[in-house]
C-alpha atoms as a PDB file:
ATOM      1  CA  MET A   1       0.003  -0.006   0.005  1.00  0.00           C
ATOM      2  CA  LEU A   2       2.726   2.480   0.945  1.00  0.00           C
ATOM      3  CA  LEU A   3       4.653   1.640  -2.374  1.00  0.00           C
ATOM      4  CA  ALA A   4       1.486   2.363  -4.328  1.00  0.00           C
ATOM      5  CA  LEU A   5       1.306   5.813  -2.522  1.00  0.00           C
ATOM      6  CA  LEU A   6       4.891   6.551  -3.268  1.00  0.00           C
ATOM      7  CA  ILE A   7       4.559   5.768  -6.894  1.00  0.00           C
ATOM      8  CA  ALA A   8       1.400   7.796  -7.269  1.00  0.00           C
ATOM      9  CA  ALA A   9       3.123  10.760  -5.639  1.00  0.00           C
ATOM     10  CA  ALA A  10       6.222  10.588  -7.711  1.00  0.00           C
ATOM     11  CA  PRO A  11       6.671  13.163 -10.534  1.00  0.00           C
ATOM     12  CA  PRO A  12       6.174  11.895 -14.059  1.00  0.00           C
ATOM     13  CA  PRO A  13       9.426  10.796 -15.802  1.00  0.00           C
ATOM     14  CA  ALA A  14      11.258  13.509 -17.725  1.00  0.00           C
ATOM     15  CA  ALA A  15      10.413  12.313 -21.115  1.00  0.00           C
ATOM     16  CA  ALA A  16       6.692  12.499 -20.273  1.00  0.00           C
ATOM     17  CA  THR A  17       6.750  16.343 -20.706  1.00  0.00           C
ATOM     18  CA  PRO A  18       6.914  17.829 -24.115  1.00  0.00           C
ATOM     19  CA  THR A  19       9.887  20.149 -23.383  1.00  0.00           C
ATOM     20  CA  ALA A  20      11.919  17.250 -21.980  1.00  0.00           C
ATOM     21  CA  ALA A  21      11.138  15.040 -24.883  1.00  0.00           C
ATOM     22  CA  ALA A  22      12.025  17.736 -27.364  1.00  0.00           C
ATOM     23  CA  GLN A  23      15.310  18.418 -25.500  1.00  0.00           C
ATOM     24  CA  ALA A  24      15.951  14.650 -25.719  1.00  0.00           C
ATOM     25  CA  GLY A  25      15.777  14.553 -29.504  1.00  0.00           C
ATOM     26  CA  THR A  26      12.163  13.546 -29.840  1.00  0.00           C
ATOM     27  CA  ARG A  27       9.662  15.483 -32.045  1.00  0.00           C
ATOM     28  CA  ILE A  28       6.063  15.635 -30.718  1.00  0.00           C
ATOM     29  CA  ALA A  29       2.889  15.603 -32.811  1.00  0.00           C
ATOM     30  CA  TYR A  30      -0.674  15.158 -31.883  1.00  0.00           C
ATOM     31  CA  VAL A  31      -3.345  12.809 -33.493  1.00  0.00           C
ATOM     32  CA  GLY A  32      -7.017  13.192 -33.161  1.00  0.00           C
ATOM     33  CA  THR A  33     -10.367  12.413 -34.919  1.00  0.00           C
ATOM     34  CA  ASP A  34     -12.833  15.054 -35.812  1.00  0.00           C
ATOM     35  CA  GLU A  35     -16.559  14.898 -35.522  1.00  0.00           C
ATOM     36  CA  SER A  36     -16.992  13.255 -38.898  1.00  0.00           C
ATOM     37  CA  GLY A  37     -14.409  10.563 -38.042  1.00  0.00           C
ATOM     38  CA  ARG A  38     -11.500  12.057 -40.089  1.00  0.00           C
ATOM     39  CA  CYS A  39      -7.866  11.918 -38.838  1.00  0.00           C
ATOM     40  CA  VAL A  40      -6.518  15.323 -37.698  1.00  0.00           C
ATOM     41  CA  TYR A  41      -2.908  15.749 -37.129  1.00  0.00           C
ATOM     42  CA  MET A  42      -1.140  18.644 -35.258  1.00  0.00           C
ATOM     43  CA  THR A  43       2.500  19.565 -35.009  1.00  0.00           C
ATOM     44  CA  GLY A  44       1.700  23.125 -33.909  1.00  0.00           C
ATOM     45  CA  ASP A  45      -1.671  24.915 -33.153  1.00  0.00           C
ATOM     46  CA  VAL A  46      -3.296  24.254 -36.519  1.00  0.00           C
ATOM     47  CA  GLY A  47      -4.974  20.836 -37.581  1.00  0.00           C
ATOM     48  CA  LEU A  48      -3.562  19.231 -40.617  1.00  0.00           C
ATOM     49  CA  ASP A  49      -4.737  16.550 -43.036  1.00  0.00           C
ATOM     50  CA  ALA A  50      -2.369  13.610 -43.875  1.00  0.00           C
ATOM     51  CA  ARG A  51      -0.692  15.305 -46.793  1.00  0.00           C
ATOM     52  CA  GLU A  52      -0.018  18.360 -44.816  1.00  0.00           C
ATOM     53  CA  PHE A  53       1.165  16.339 -41.823  1.00  0.00           C
ATOM     54  CA  ARG A  54       3.644  14.455 -44.090  1.00  0.00           C
ATOM     55  CA  ASP A  55       4.966  17.696 -45.662  1.00  0.00           C
ATOM     56  CA  ASP A  56       5.431  19.265 -42.125  1.00  0.00           C
ATOM     57  CA  LEU A  57       7.236  16.343 -40.775  1.00  0.00           C
ATOM     58  CA  LYS A  58       9.354  16.030 -43.906  1.00  0.00           C
ATOM     59  CA  GLU A  59      10.301  19.696 -43.834  1.00  0.00           C
ATOM     60  CA  ASP A  60      11.760  19.570 -40.266  1.00  0.00           C
ATOM     61  CA  PHE A  61      13.037  16.017 -40.192  1.00  0.00           C
ATOM     62  CA  GLU A  62      16.439  15.370 -38.786  1.00  0.00           C
ATOM     63  CA  PRO A  63      18.110  11.874 -38.924  1.00  0.00           C
ATOM     64  CA  GLY A  64      18.071  10.145 -35.635  1.00  0.00           C
ATOM     65  CA  THR A  65      15.141  11.958 -34.244  1.00  0.00           C
ATOM     66  CA  ALA A  66      12.255  10.042 -32.747  1.00  0.00           C
ATOM     67  CA  LEU A  67       8.573  10.914 -32.999  1.00  0.00           C
ATOM     68  CA  LEU A  68       6.151  10.775 -30.099  1.00  0.00           C
ATOM     69  CA  LEU A  69       2.465  10.847 -31.139  1.00  0.00           C
ATOM     70  CA  TYR A  70       0.223  11.997 -28.385  1.00  0.00           C
ATOM     71  CA  HIS A  71      -3.447  11.141 -28.803  1.00  0.00           C
ATOM     72  CA  GLY A  72      -6.886  11.859 -27.134  1.00  0.00           C
ATOM     73  CA  MET A  73      -8.997   9.214 -25.708  1.00  0.00           C
ATOM     74  CA  GLU A  74     -11.413   9.272 -28.691  1.00  0.00           C
ATOM     75  CA  THR A  75      -8.724   8.888 -31.365  1.00  0.00           C
ATOM     76  CA  ARG A  76      -9.533   6.154 -33.779  1.00  0.00           C
ATOM     77  CA  PRO A  77      -6.806   3.418 -34.008  1.00  0.00           C
ATOM     78  CA  ALA A  78      -6.790   3.907 -37.875  1.00  0.00           C
ATOM     79  CA  CYS A  79      -5.579   7.482 -37.343  1.00  0.00           C
ATOM     80  CA  LEU A  80      -2.718   6.411 -35.141  1.00  0.00           C
ATOM     81  CA  ALA A  81      -1.710   3.728 -37.658  1.00  0.00           C
ATOM     82  CA  ALA A  82      -1.881   6.270 -40.474  1.00  0.00           C
ATOM     83  CA  ALA A  83       0.265   8.701 -38.350  1.00  0.00           C
ATOM     84  CA  ARG A  84       2.904   5.964 -37.873  1.00  0.00           C
ATOM     85  CA  ARG A  85       2.972   5.013 -41.675  1.00  0.00           C
ATOM     86  CA  ILE A  86       3.403   8.704 -42.536  1.00  0.00           C
ATOM     87  CA  ALA A  87       6.250   9.264 -39.916  1.00  0.00           C
ATOM     88  CA  ARG A  88       8.066   6.041 -41.125  1.00  0.00           C
ATOM     89  CA  SER A  89       7.708   7.056 -44.763  1.00  0.00           C
ATOM     90  CA  VAL A  90       9.359  10.425 -43.995  1.00  0.00           C
ATOM     91  CA  GLY A  91      12.190   8.776 -42.248  1.00  0.00           C
ATOM     92  CA  PHE A  92      11.552   8.495 -38.570  1.00  0.00           C
ATOM     93  CA  ARG A  93      12.779   5.062 -37.277  1.00  0.00           C
ATOM     94  CA  THR A  94      11.346   5.442 -33.804  1.00  0.00           C
ATOM     95  CA  VAL A  95       7.656   6.260 -33.552  1.00  0.00           C
ATOM     96  CA  ARG A  96       5.922   5.974 -30.253  1.00  0.00           C
ATOM     97  CA  THR A  97       2.264   6.787 -29.171  1.00  0.00           C
ATOM     98  CA  ALA A  98       0.987   7.762 -25.821  1.00  0.00           C
ATOM     99  CA  PRO A  99      -2.157   9.287 -24.370  1.00  0.00           C
ATOM    100  CA  ALA A 100      -1.732  13.013 -24.114  1.00  0.00           C
ATOM    101  CA  PRO A 101      -0.833  14.152 -20.620  1.00  0.00           C
ATOM    102  CA  PRO A 102      -3.752  15.796 -18.790  1.00  0.00           C
ATOM    103  CA  ARG A 103      -2.551  19.324 -19.450  1.00  0.00           C
ATOM    104  CA  LEU A 104      -2.270  18.555 -23.172  1.00  0.00           C
ATOM    105  CA  ASP A 105      -5.327  16.374 -23.391  1.00  0.00           C
ATOM    106  CA  LEU A 106      -6.865  16.782 -26.770  1.00  0.00           C
ATOM    107  CA  GLY A 107     -10.369  16.614 -25.217  1.00  0.00           C
ATOM    108  CA  PRO A 108     -13.400  15.528 -27.002  1.00  0.00           C
ATOM    109  CA  PRO A 109     -13.366  14.867 -30.851  1.00  0.00           C
ATOM    110  CA  LEU A 110     -12.718  18.066 -32.910  1.00  0.00           C
END
């Protein structure tokens, strides 16, 4: 019981924060699903379609950089799979997915 309390009170690992991930050579993007079920990608504050997402990743790609794809609770698995395919086609070798941290939660579908 005490161990569970200590674990719950511990701060998140450094890589769990966007700033720390970026400093560690990891690029961050967000994947969501809009009201009509379409995939929406974000690398900044504007939603992108698949082509725009690929172009944006390609423009800033640096060899050896990993990609972390944050997603909301309502994000369709097909959107995550598409984001992974796009990232790999650009050249990212390491592509991870994770639920968006609470302060970055994408909320309900767009």
